[in-house]
Amino acid sequence: MLMKEINVGYFKSFGVKEINQARDAFLNEHPDIKVNLIPLYQDQMEDALDEGKIDLAFTDKRDNDFESYQVIPLAEIGIVVLLQAGNFMLGQQTIELDELKAIPNMLIAKTDEEAGELHYHKDILGIKSPFIAVDSFNEAALMATSGSGYFLMNENTADLLGNDQLQKMFVLKNGKQLRQEYIAVTKKRVDKEIMDFIDQLKTTLN
């Protein structure tokens, strides 16, 4: 008898901590199911769903409505800026987006991801800084430490980056905190096991 499989595409920028936690908890309840985790760019999610390569997408909403699919909100996570310590007051917890416009914003993206990330930062978040593309979070952290710019993460992933030379602050836009919307996207009619996995994701994130 073949083991049932669920293919889950997850947005690379989220990292693996939460998706691994959700998978492990799900497998404790469903040991007869195999869960395959597939890292994807945000722009690849809908095509992967259309082509049947994944059963479920774990991503952020941005301006994609996924109108042919069921979209399930999971969590809204605060966005933080990371930049060289000392640029702003020690202990400052928040910063307005406009206060960053003279500092380069580093887009963490491979070449084929740059257009999507630029659209997100410039058109959706409304960032007015000059942009620099870098390959990885490690490269961004090194450049930020040297004063070459800033980069954005959500507060969950930023907590994994321990670096005393970087200052972290929540980002505001006109006084309102910017948040990243985590969503699950799947077919409008799916098996109970996929909904169980989505419920586990929601539990892990909240």
N, C-alpha and C. Protein backbone atom coordinates (compact mmCIF):
# COMPACT_ATOMS: atom_id res chain seq x y z
N MET A 1 0.85 -1.20 0.00
CA MET A 1 0.00 0.00 0.00
C MET A 1 0.88 1.25 0.00
N LEU A 2 0.62 2.16 -0.92
CA LEU A 2 1.42 3.38 -1.02
C LEU A 2 1.06 4.34 0.10
N MET A 3 2.10 4.98 0.67
CA MET A 3 1.87 5.99 1.70
C MET A 3 1.33 7.26 1.05
N LYS A 4 0.31 7.85 1.65
CA LYS A 4 -0.23 9.10 1.13
C LYS A 4 0.78 10.22 1.34
N GLU A 5 0.89 11.11 0.35
CA GLU A 5 1.85 12.22 0.43
C GLU A 5 1.12 13.56 0.30
N ILE A 6 1.64 14.55 1.02
CA ILE A 6 1.20 15.94 0.86
C ILE A 6 2.42 16.77 0.49
N ASN A 7 2.33 17.49 -0.61
CA ASN A 7 3.43 18.35 -1.05
C ASN A 7 3.11 19.80 -0.65
N VAL A 8 3.97 20.35 0.18
CA VAL A 8 3.76 21.70 0.72
C VAL A 8 4.85 22.62 0.18
N GLY A 9 4.44 23.64 -0.58
CA GLY A 9 5.38 24.66 -1.02
C GLY A 9 5.43 25.78 0.01
N TYR A 10 6.63 26.18 0.41
CA TYR A 10 6.73 27.27 1.39
C TYR A 10 7.65 28.36 0.85
N PHE A 11 7.32 29.59 1.20
CA PHE A 11 8.08 30.75 0.74
C PHE A 11 9.46 30.72 1.39
N LYS A 12 10.50 30.71 0.55
CA LYS A 12 11.88 30.56 1.02
C LYS A 12 12.25 31.55 2.13
N SER A 13 11.76 32.78 2.00
CA SER A 13 12.16 33.82 2.96
C SER A 13 11.64 33.55 4.37
N PHE A 14 10.67 32.65 4.51
CA PHE A 14 10.16 32.33 5.84
C PHE A 14 11.15 31.50 6.65
N GLY A 15 12.13 30.87 5.97
CA GLY A 15 12.99 29.94 6.67
C GLY A 15 12.25 28.64 6.93
N VAL A 16 12.89 27.74 7.70
CA VAL A 16 12.32 26.40 7.87
C VAL A 16 11.84 26.11 9.29
N LYS A 17 12.11 26.99 10.24
CA LYS A 17 11.80 26.67 11.64
C LYS A 17 10.32 26.35 11.83
N GLU A 18 9.45 27.24 11.40
CA GLU A 18 8.01 27.08 11.67
C GLU A 18 7.40 25.96 10.83
N ILE A 19 7.80 25.86 9.57
CA ILE A 19 7.24 24.81 8.72
C ILE A 19 7.69 23.43 9.21
N ASN A 20 8.92 23.33 9.71
CA ASN A 20 9.38 22.05 10.26
C ASN A 20 8.64 21.70 11.54
N GLN A 21 8.40 22.70 12.39
CA GLN A 21 7.64 22.46 13.63
C GLN A 21 6.23 21.97 13.31
N ALA A 22 5.60 22.63 12.34
CA ALA A 22 4.24 22.24 11.95
C ALA A 22 4.23 20.82 11.38
N ARG A 23 5.21 20.51 10.53
CA ARG A 23 5.27 19.16 9.95
C ARG A 23 5.46 18.11 11.03
N ASP A 24 6.37 18.36 11.98
CA ASP A 24 6.64 17.36 13.02
C ASP A 24 5.40 17.11 13.88
N ALA A 25 4.70 18.20 14.23
CA ALA A 25 3.49 18.05 15.04
C ALA A 25 2.40 17.32 14.25
N PHE A 26 2.28 17.64 12.97
CA PHE A 26 1.29 16.98 12.12
C PHE A 26 1.58 15.48 12.01
N LEU A 27 2.85 15.12 11.82
CA LEU A 27 3.22 13.71 11.66
C LEU A 27 3.00 12.90 12.93
N ASN A 28 3.05 13.57 14.08
CA ASN A 28 2.72 12.87 15.33
C ASN A 28 1.28 12.38 15.32
N GLU A 29 0.41 13.16 14.67
CA GLU A 29 -1.01 12.81 14.59
C GLU A 29 -1.33 11.97 13.35
N HIS A 30 -0.48 12.08 12.33
CA HIS A 30 -0.73 11.38 11.06
C HIS A 30 0.54 10.65 10.61
N PRO A 31 0.96 9.63 11.35
CA PRO A 31 2.22 8.94 11.01
C PRO A 31 2.17 8.18 9.69
N ASP A 32 0.98 8.01 9.14
CA ASP A 32 0.82 7.27 7.89
C ASP A 32 0.91 8.16 6.65
N ILE A 33 1.21 9.46 6.85
CA ILE A 33 1.27 10.40 5.74
C ILE A 33 2.69 10.96 5.62
N LYS A 34 3.18 11.06 4.41
CA LYS A 34 4.49 11.67 4.15
C LYS A 34 4.29 13.12 3.73
N VAL A 35 5.02 14.04 4.35
CA VAL A 35 4.93 15.46 4.01
C VAL A 35 6.23 15.90 3.36
N ASN A 36 6.14 16.35 2.11
CA ASN A 36 7.31 16.86 1.38
C ASN A 36 7.28 18.38 1.40
N LEU A 37 8.36 18.99 1.87
CA LEU A 37 8.46 20.45 1.93
C LEU A 37 9.29 20.95 0.75
N ILE A 38 8.73 21.90 0.00
CA ILE A 38 9.35 22.36 -1.24
C ILE A 38 9.55 23.88 -1.16
N PRO A 39 10.80 24.36 -1.08
CA PRO A 39 11.05 25.81 -1.02
C PRO A 39 10.82 26.46 -2.38
N LEU A 40 10.08 27.57 -2.38
CA LEU A 40 9.75 28.26 -3.63
C LEU A 40 9.88 29.77 -3.46
N TYR A 41 10.04 30.47 -4.58
CA TYR A 41 9.91 31.92 -4.57
C TYR A 41 8.43 32.24 -4.47
N GLN A 42 8.13 33.44 -4.02
CA GLN A 42 6.72 33.83 -3.90
C GLN A 42 6.02 33.77 -5.26
N ASP A 43 6.71 34.20 -6.31
CA ASP A 43 6.10 34.24 -7.64
C ASP A 43 5.86 32.86 -8.25
N GLN A 44 6.44 31.82 -7.66
CA GLN A 44 6.29 30.46 -8.20
C GLN A 44 5.08 29.73 -7.62
N MET A 45 4.49 30.27 -6.56
CA MET A 45 3.48 29.52 -5.81
C MET A 45 2.26 29.15 -6.66
N GLU A 46 1.69 30.14 -7.36
CA GLU A 46 0.45 29.86 -8.10
C GLU A 46 0.69 28.87 -9.24
N ASP A 47 1.82 29.01 -9.93
CA ASP A 47 2.14 28.06 -11.01
C ASP A 47 2.29 26.64 -10.45
N ALA A 48 2.94 26.53 -9.29
CA ALA A 48 3.13 25.20 -8.68
C ALA A 48 1.79 24.58 -8.30
N LEU A 49 0.85 25.40 -7.83
CA LEU A 49 -0.49 24.91 -7.53
C LEU A 49 -1.21 24.50 -8.82
N ASP A 50 -1.14 25.37 -9.83
CA ASP A 50 -1.82 25.09 -11.11
C ASP A 50 -1.33 23.79 -11.74
N GLU A 51 -0.02 23.55 -11.61
CA GLU A 51 0.59 22.38 -12.26
C GLU A 51 0.52 21.12 -11.40
N GLY A 52 -0.06 21.25 -10.20
CA GLY A 52 -0.18 20.09 -9.32
C GLY A 52 1.11 19.66 -8.65
N LYS A 53 2.12 20.54 -8.67
CA LYS A 53 3.40 20.19 -8.03
C LYS A 53 3.29 20.27 -6.51
N ILE A 54 2.39 21.12 -6.03
CA ILE A 54 2.15 21.21 -4.59
C ILE A 54 0.64 21.15 -4.32
N ASP A 55 0.30 20.65 -3.14
CA ASP A 55 -1.10 20.59 -2.71
C ASP A 55 -1.47 21.81 -1.88
N LEU A 56 -0.46 22.46 -1.34
CA LEU A 56 -0.68 23.55 -0.40
C LEU A 56 0.49 24.52 -0.50
N ALA A 57 0.17 25.83 -0.51
CA ALA A 57 1.21 26.86 -0.50
C ALA A 57 1.17 27.59 0.84
N PHE A 58 2.34 27.73 1.45
CA PHE A 58 2.50 28.50 2.69
C PHE A 58 3.32 29.73 2.31
N THR A 59 2.65 30.89 2.25
CA THR A 59 3.31 32.06 1.68
C THR A 59 2.77 33.33 2.32
N ASP A 60 3.10 34.50 1.74
CA ASP A 60 2.49 35.74 2.22
C ASP A 60 1.59 36.30 1.12
N LYS A 61 0.66 37.14 1.52
CA LYS A 61 -0.43 37.51 0.62
C LYS A 61 0.01 38.48 -0.48
N ARG A 62 0.74 39.51 -0.11
CA ARG A 62 1.12 40.55 -1.06
C ARG A 62 -0.10 41.02 -1.83
N ASP A 63 -0.02 41.10 -3.18
CA ASP A 63 -1.20 41.55 -3.93
C ASP A 63 -1.71 40.45 -4.85
N ASN A 64 -1.43 39.20 -4.50
CA ASN A 64 -1.92 38.07 -5.28
C ASN A 64 -3.19 37.55 -4.62
N ASP A 65 -4.30 37.55 -5.36
CA ASP A 65 -5.56 37.14 -4.74
C ASP A 65 -5.83 35.63 -4.85
N PHE A 66 -5.02 34.90 -5.63
CA PHE A 66 -5.20 33.45 -5.78
C PHE A 66 -6.69 33.12 -5.98
N GLU A 67 -7.33 33.80 -6.92
CA GLU A 67 -8.79 33.75 -7.01
C GLU A 67 -9.35 32.37 -7.33
N SER A 68 -8.54 31.49 -7.91
CA SER A 68 -9.02 30.14 -8.22
C SER A 68 -8.90 29.18 -7.04
N TYR A 69 -8.38 29.69 -5.93
CA TYR A 69 -8.06 28.82 -4.80
C TYR A 69 -8.70 29.31 -3.50
N GLN A 70 -8.63 28.45 -2.52
CA GLN A 70 -9.05 28.78 -1.16
C GLN A 70 -7.87 29.42 -0.44
N VAL A 71 -8.07 30.62 0.09
CA VAL A 71 -7.00 31.34 0.80
C VAL A 71 -7.38 31.43 2.27
N ILE A 72 -6.51 30.89 3.13
CA ILE A 72 -6.80 30.81 4.55
C ILE A 72 -5.78 31.66 5.32
N PRO A 73 -6.21 32.74 5.98
CA PRO A 73 -5.28 33.55 6.77
C PRO A 73 -4.73 32.73 7.94
N LEU A 74 -3.44 32.87 8.19
CA LEU A 74 -2.80 32.12 9.27
C LEU A 74 -2.34 33.03 10.41
N ALA A 75 -1.67 34.12 10.06
CA ALA A 75 -1.13 35.02 11.09
C ALA A 75 -0.67 36.31 10.43
N GLU A 76 -0.59 37.37 11.23
CA GLU A 76 0.01 38.62 10.78
C GLU A 76 1.20 38.91 11.70
N ILE A 77 2.38 38.96 11.11
CA ILE A 77 3.62 39.07 11.87
C ILE A 77 4.26 40.44 11.60
N GLY A 78 4.65 41.13 12.65
CA GLY A 78 5.25 42.45 12.51
C GLY A 78 6.54 42.43 11.71
N ILE A 79 6.73 43.46 10.88
CA ILE A 79 7.96 43.59 10.08
C ILE A 79 8.96 44.46 10.85
N VAL A 80 10.21 44.00 10.90
CA VAL A 80 11.25 44.76 11.58
C VAL A 80 12.35 45.14 10.59
N VAL A 81 13.00 46.26 10.88
CA VAL A 81 14.16 46.68 10.11
C VAL A 81 15.40 46.32 10.91
N LEU A 82 16.44 45.89 10.22
CA LEU A 82 17.73 45.61 10.84
C LEU A 82 18.78 46.47 10.16
N LEU A 83 19.50 47.23 10.97
CA LEU A 83 20.54 48.11 10.44
C LEU A 83 21.62 48.32 11.49
N GLN A 84 22.69 48.96 11.07
CA GLN A 84 23.85 49.16 11.95
C GLN A 84 23.43 49.84 13.25
N ALA A 85 23.82 49.25 14.37
CA ALA A 85 23.52 49.85 15.67
C ALA A 85 24.20 51.20 15.77
N GLY A 86 23.50 52.17 16.34
CA GLY A 86 24.06 53.51 16.50
C GLY A 86 23.49 54.54 15.55
N ASN A 87 22.78 54.09 14.51
CA ASN A 87 22.15 55.03 13.58
C ASN A 87 21.00 55.78 14.24
N PHE A 88 20.32 55.09 15.16
CA PHE A 88 19.19 55.68 15.87
C PHE A 88 19.38 55.45 17.36
N MET A 89 18.52 56.06 18.16
CA MET A 89 18.68 55.99 19.61
C MET A 89 18.67 54.55 20.11
N LEU A 90 19.59 54.26 21.02
CA LEU A 90 19.64 52.95 21.64
C LEU A 90 18.33 52.70 22.38
N GLY A 91 17.73 51.56 22.17
CA GLY A 91 16.47 51.25 22.84
C GLY A 91 15.24 51.69 22.08
N GLN A 92 15.42 52.40 20.94
CA GLN A 92 14.27 52.80 20.13
C GLN A 92 13.60 51.55 19.57
N GLN A 93 12.28 51.44 19.74
CA GLN A 93 11.56 50.22 19.38
C GLN A 93 10.89 50.28 18.01
N THR A 94 10.55 51.49 17.54
CA THR A 94 9.84 51.63 16.27
C THR A 94 10.47 52.73 15.43
N ILE A 95 10.21 52.67 14.13
CA ILE A 95 10.71 53.71 13.22
C ILE A 95 9.73 53.86 12.06
N GLU A 96 9.53 55.11 11.65
CA GLU A 96 8.68 55.37 10.49
C GLU A 96 9.45 55.06 9.20
N LEU A 97 8.75 54.52 8.23
CA LEU A 97 9.37 54.17 6.96
C LEU A 97 10.07 55.36 6.32
N ASP A 98 9.48 56.54 6.43
CA ASP A 98 10.08 57.74 5.83
C ASP A 98 11.45 58.08 6.42
N GLU A 99 11.69 57.67 7.67
CA GLU A 99 12.98 57.95 8.30
C GLU A 99 14.11 57.11 7.70
N LEU A 100 13.75 56.11 6.90
CA LEU A 100 14.75 55.23 6.31
C LEU A 100 15.06 55.56 4.86
N LYS A 101 14.38 56.57 4.29
CA LYS A 101 14.44 56.75 2.83
C LYS A 101 15.82 57.14 2.30
N ALA A 102 16.70 57.67 3.15
CA ALA A 102 18.04 58.03 2.69
C ALA A 102 19.02 56.86 2.79
N ILE A 103 18.58 55.76 3.38
CA ILE A 103 19.45 54.60 3.61
C ILE A 103 19.08 53.51 2.60
N PRO A 104 20.06 52.89 1.93
CA PRO A 104 19.74 51.83 0.96
C PRO A 104 19.01 50.65 1.61
N ASN A 105 18.02 50.14 0.89
CA ASN A 105 17.27 48.96 1.32
C ASN A 105 17.80 47.75 0.56
N MET A 106 18.26 46.75 1.29
CA MET A 106 18.80 45.55 0.66
C MET A 106 17.69 44.54 0.40
N LEU A 107 17.55 44.15 -0.86
CA LEU A 107 16.60 43.12 -1.26
C LEU A 107 17.33 41.79 -1.23
N ILE A 108 16.85 40.87 -0.42
CA ILE A 108 17.50 39.56 -0.31
C ILE A 108 16.84 38.65 -1.34
N ALA A 109 17.50 38.48 -2.48
CA ALA A 109 16.88 37.77 -3.59
C ALA A 109 17.93 37.32 -4.59
N LYS A 110 17.73 36.12 -5.14
CA LYS A 110 18.52 35.69 -6.28
C LYS A 110 18.06 36.48 -7.50
N THR A 111 18.80 36.37 -8.60
CA THR A 111 18.52 37.19 -9.78
C THR A 111 17.07 37.04 -10.25
N ASP A 112 16.55 35.80 -10.27
CA ASP A 112 15.20 35.60 -10.79
C ASP A 112 14.11 35.94 -9.78
N GLU A 113 14.50 36.32 -8.57
CA GLU A 113 13.53 36.76 -7.56
C GLU A 113 13.47 38.28 -7.44
N GLU A 114 14.46 38.98 -8.03
CA GLU A 114 14.62 40.42 -7.76
C GLU A 114 13.39 41.23 -8.14
N ALA A 115 12.79 40.94 -9.29
CA ALA A 115 11.64 41.74 -9.75
C ALA A 115 10.48 41.63 -8.77
N GLY A 116 10.21 40.42 -8.29
CA GLY A 116 9.12 40.21 -7.35
C GLY A 116 9.37 40.91 -6.02
N GLU A 117 10.61 40.83 -5.53
CA GLU A 117 10.94 41.47 -4.25
C GLU A 117 10.93 42.99 -4.37
N LEU A 118 11.41 43.50 -5.51
CA LEU A 118 11.38 44.94 -5.73
C LEU A 118 9.93 45.45 -5.76
N HIS A 119 9.06 44.72 -6.43
CA HIS A 119 7.64 45.09 -6.48
C HIS A 119 7.05 45.12 -5.07
N TYR A 120 7.37 44.12 -4.27
CA TYR A 120 6.84 44.04 -2.90
C TYR A 120 7.32 45.23 -2.06
N HIS A 121 8.61 45.48 -2.09
CA HIS A 121 9.18 46.54 -1.26
C HIS A 121 8.77 47.93 -1.74
N LYS A 122 8.81 48.15 -3.05
CA LYS A 122 8.56 49.48 -3.60
C LYS A 122 7.07 49.79 -3.71
N ASP A 123 6.31 48.87 -4.29
CA ASP A 123 4.91 49.16 -4.62
C ASP A 123 3.92 48.77 -3.53
N ILE A 124 4.22 47.71 -2.79
CA ILE A 124 3.28 47.25 -1.76
C ILE A 124 3.60 47.88 -0.41
N LEU A 125 4.87 47.78 0.02
CA LEU A 125 5.25 48.38 1.30
C LEU A 125 5.43 49.90 1.19
N GLY A 126 5.76 50.39 -0.01
CA GLY A 126 5.92 51.83 -0.21
C GLY A 126 7.27 52.38 0.22
N ILE A 127 8.31 51.56 0.09
CA ILE A 127 9.66 51.98 0.48
C ILE A 127 10.23 52.92 -0.57
N LYS A 128 10.80 54.04 -0.12
CA LYS A 128 11.35 55.06 -1.03
C LYS A 128 12.88 55.07 -1.03
N SER A 129 13.50 54.16 -0.33
CA SER A 129 14.96 54.08 -0.29
C SER A 129 15.51 53.62 -1.63
N PRO A 130 16.80 53.92 -1.90
CA PRO A 130 17.47 53.24 -3.02
C PRO A 130 17.58 51.75 -2.71
N PHE A 131 17.63 50.92 -3.73
CA PHE A 131 17.62 49.46 -3.52
C PHE A 131 18.95 48.83 -3.94
N ILE A 132 19.36 47.83 -3.16
CA ILE A 132 20.54 47.02 -3.47
C ILE A 132 20.13 45.56 -3.36
N ALA A 133 20.48 44.73 -4.34
CA ALA A 133 20.16 43.30 -4.27
C ALA A 133 21.34 42.54 -3.66
N VAL A 134 21.03 41.65 -2.71
CA VAL A 134 22.05 40.78 -2.12
C VAL A 134 21.53 39.34 -2.17
N ASP A 135 22.45 38.39 -2.05
CA ASP A 135 22.10 36.98 -2.26
C ASP A 135 21.51 36.28 -1.05
N SER A 136 21.86 36.75 0.16
CA SER A 136 21.48 35.98 1.34
C SER A 136 21.32 36.88 2.56
N PHE A 137 20.67 36.34 3.59
CA PHE A 137 20.53 37.08 4.84
C PHE A 137 21.89 37.32 5.48
N ASN A 138 22.81 36.37 5.35
CA ASN A 138 24.14 36.55 5.92
C ASN A 138 24.87 37.72 5.26
N GLU A 139 24.76 37.82 3.93
CA GLU A 139 25.39 38.93 3.22
C GLU A 139 24.74 40.25 3.64
N ALA A 140 23.41 40.25 3.77
CA ALA A 140 22.70 41.46 4.19
C ALA A 140 23.14 41.88 5.59
N ALA A 141 23.28 40.91 6.49
CA ALA A 141 23.69 41.23 7.87
C ALA A 141 25.10 41.82 7.89
N LEU A 142 26.01 41.26 7.10
CA LEU A 142 27.38 41.79 7.05
C LEU A 142 27.39 43.22 6.51
N MET A 143 26.63 43.46 5.46
CA MET A 143 26.59 44.79 4.86
C MET A 143 25.92 45.80 5.79
N ALA A 144 24.86 45.36 6.47
CA ALA A 144 24.18 46.26 7.41
C ALA A 144 25.10 46.60 8.58
N THR A 145 25.84 45.61 9.06
CA THR A 145 26.77 45.84 10.17
C THR A 145 27.83 46.88 9.81
N SER A 146 28.23 46.89 8.53
CA SER A 146 29.25 47.85 8.09
C SER A 146 28.65 49.20 7.72
N GLY A 147 27.32 49.34 7.84
CA GLY A 147 26.67 50.62 7.56
C GLY A 147 26.28 50.83 6.11
N SER A 148 26.21 49.73 5.33
CA SER A 148 25.92 49.86 3.90
C SER A 148 24.43 49.92 3.57
N GLY A 149 23.57 49.71 4.55
CA GLY A 149 22.14 49.74 4.28
C GLY A 149 21.37 49.01 5.36
N TYR A 150 20.08 48.78 5.09
CA TYR A 150 19.23 48.05 6.03
C TYR A 150 18.48 46.96 5.27
N PHE A 151 17.95 46.00 6.02
CA PHE A 151 17.09 44.99 5.40
C PHE A 151 15.92 44.70 6.33
N LEU A 152 14.90 44.10 5.76
CA LEU A 152 13.67 43.81 6.50
C LEU A 152 13.51 42.31 6.70
N MET A 153 12.96 41.96 7.85
CA MET A 153 12.55 40.58 8.15
C MET A 153 11.26 40.69 8.94
N ASN A 154 10.55 39.57 9.09
CA ASN A 154 9.46 39.63 10.06
C ASN A 154 10.01 39.26 11.43
N GLU A 155 9.28 39.60 12.48
CA GLU A 155 9.84 39.47 13.82
C GLU A 155 10.17 38.03 14.19
N ASN A 156 9.45 37.05 13.62
CA ASN A 156 9.75 35.65 13.93
C ASN A 156 11.10 35.24 13.38
N THR A 157 11.37 35.58 12.11
CA THR A 157 12.65 35.20 11.52
C THR A 157 13.79 36.07 12.06
N ALA A 158 13.51 37.33 12.38
CA ALA A 158 14.55 38.22 12.91
C ALA A 158 15.06 37.73 14.26
N ASP A 159 14.19 37.08 15.03
CA ASP A 159 14.61 36.56 16.34
C ASP A 159 15.69 35.49 16.22
N LEU A 160 15.78 34.86 15.05
CA LEU A 160 16.78 33.81 14.84
C LEU A 160 18.16 34.38 14.52
N LEU A 161 18.19 35.68 14.23
CA LEU A 161 19.44 36.32 13.81
C LEU A 161 20.04 37.07 15.00
N GLY A 162 20.96 36.43 15.69
CA GLY A 162 21.59 37.06 16.84
C GLY A 162 22.82 37.85 16.42
N ASN A 163 22.75 39.17 16.51
CA ASN A 163 23.89 40.00 16.12
C ASN A 163 23.81 41.31 16.89
N ASP A 164 24.71 41.47 17.86
CA ASP A 164 24.69 42.66 18.73
C ASP A 164 25.03 43.94 17.98
N GLN A 165 25.59 43.81 16.79
CA GLN A 165 25.98 45.00 16.02
C GLN A 165 24.84 45.54 15.16
N LEU A 166 23.70 44.83 15.20
CA LEU A 166 22.53 45.27 14.44
C LEU A 166 21.43 45.74 15.39
N GLN A 167 20.79 46.82 15.02
CA GLN A 167 19.64 47.33 15.77
C GLN A 167 18.37 46.88 15.07
N LYS A 168 17.40 46.38 15.85
CA LYS A 168 16.12 45.93 15.30
C LYS A 168 15.02 46.86 15.79
N MET A 169 14.16 47.29 14.85
CA MET A 169 13.02 48.14 15.21
C MET A 169 11.82 47.74 14.37
N PHE A 170 10.63 47.83 14.97
CA PHE A 170 9.41 47.61 14.21
C PHE A 170 9.19 48.78 13.26
N VAL A 171 8.70 48.46 12.05
CA VAL A 171 8.53 49.49 11.02
C VAL A 171 7.08 49.97 11.01
N LEU A 172 6.92 51.30 11.04
CA LEU A 172 5.60 51.93 10.96
C LEU A 172 5.47 52.67 9.64
N LYS A 173 4.23 52.74 9.16
CA LYS A 173 3.92 53.56 7.99
C LYS A 173 2.74 54.45 8.37
N ASN A 174 3.02 55.74 8.50
CA ASN A 174 2.01 56.70 8.97
C ASN A 174 1.41 56.27 10.31
N GLY A 175 2.29 55.80 11.19
CA GLY A 175 1.88 55.43 12.54
C GLY A 175 1.33 54.03 12.69
N LYS A 176 1.13 53.32 11.59
CA LYS A 176 0.57 51.97 11.64
C LYS A 176 1.66 50.94 11.39
N GLN A 177 1.71 49.93 12.24
CA GLN A 177 2.76 48.92 12.11
C GLN A 177 2.59 48.10 10.84
N LEU A 178 3.69 47.94 10.09
CA LEU A 178 3.68 47.08 8.91
C LEU A 178 3.71 45.62 9.35
N ARG A 179 2.91 44.81 8.70
CA ARG A 179 2.85 43.39 9.05
C ARG A 179 2.93 42.53 7.79
N GLN A 180 3.46 41.35 7.96
CA GLN A 180 3.50 40.37 6.88
C GLN A 180 2.36 39.38 7.11
N GLU A 181 1.53 39.20 6.08
CA GLU A 181 0.36 38.33 6.21
C GLU A 181 0.72 36.91 5.75
N TYR A 182 0.76 35.99 6.69
CA TYR A 182 0.99 34.59 6.36
C TYR A 182 -0.35 33.97 5.95
N ILE A 183 -0.33 33.25 4.83
CA ILE A 183 -1.55 32.58 4.37
C ILE A 183 -1.24 31.16 3.92
N ALA A 184 -2.28 30.33 3.91
CA ALA A 184 -2.22 29.02 3.27
C ALA A 184 -3.13 29.08 2.05
N VAL A 185 -2.68 28.50 0.95
CA VAL A 185 -3.46 28.50 -0.29
C VAL A 185 -3.57 27.06 -0.78
N THR A 186 -4.80 26.64 -1.06
CA THR A 186 -5.01 25.28 -1.54
C THR A 186 -6.27 25.25 -2.39
N LYS A 187 -6.58 24.09 -2.96
CA LYS A 187 -7.79 23.96 -3.77
C LYS A 187 -9.02 24.23 -2.90
N LYS A 188 -10.12 24.57 -3.56
CA LYS A 188 -11.33 24.90 -2.81
C LYS A 188 -11.95 23.68 -2.13
N ARG A 189 -11.67 22.50 -2.67
CA ARG A 189 -12.12 21.27 -2.02
C ARG A 189 -10.91 20.35 -1.86
N VAL A 190 -10.56 20.07 -0.62
CA VAL A 190 -9.36 19.25 -0.36
C VAL A 190 -9.67 18.21 0.72
N ASP A 191 -8.76 17.25 0.85
CA ASP A 191 -8.90 16.21 1.87
C ASP A 191 -8.75 16.82 3.27
N LYS A 192 -9.33 16.12 4.23
CA LYS A 192 -9.27 16.56 5.63
C LYS A 192 -7.83 16.70 6.11
N GLU A 193 -6.93 15.83 5.63
CA GLU A 193 -5.54 15.87 6.10
C GLU A 193 -4.87 17.20 5.75
N ILE A 194 -5.19 17.76 4.59
CA ILE A 194 -4.60 19.04 4.22
C ILE A 194 -5.12 20.15 5.13
N MET A 195 -6.41 20.11 5.45
CA MET A 195 -6.95 21.10 6.38
C MET A 195 -6.34 20.92 7.77
N ASP A 196 -6.07 19.68 8.16
CA ASP A 196 -5.41 19.43 9.45
C ASP A 196 -4.01 20.05 9.47
N PHE A 197 -3.30 19.94 8.34
CA PHE A 197 -1.96 20.53 8.26
C PHE A 197 -2.05 22.05 8.36
N ILE A 198 -3.04 22.64 7.70
CA ILE A 198 -3.24 24.09 7.78
C ILE A 198 -3.54 24.51 9.21
N ASP A 199 -4.38 23.74 9.90
CA ASP A 199 -4.68 24.05 11.31
C ASP A 199 -3.42 23.99 12.16
N GLN A 200 -2.54 23.03 11.85
CA GLN A 200 -1.30 22.91 12.62
C GLN A 200 -0.37 24.09 12.34
N LEU A 201 -0.34 24.55 11.09
CA LEU A 201 0.44 25.75 10.77
C LEU A 201 -0.05 26.95 11.58
N LYS A 202 -1.37 27.09 11.64
CA LYS A 202 -1.96 28.22 12.37
C LYS A 202 -1.59 28.14 13.85
N THR A 203 -1.64 26.94 14.41
CA THR A 203 -1.28 26.75 15.82
C THR A 203 0.19 27.08 16.06
N THR A 204 1.04 26.65 15.15
CA THR A 204 2.48 26.90 15.28
C THR A 204 2.81 28.39 15.24
N LEU A 205 2.08 29.12 14.40
CA LEU A 205 2.39 30.54 14.19
C LEU A 205 1.81 31.45 15.27
N ASN A 206 0.79 30.99 15.97
CA ASN A 206 0.09 31.87 16.92
C ASN A 206 0.33 31.44 18.36
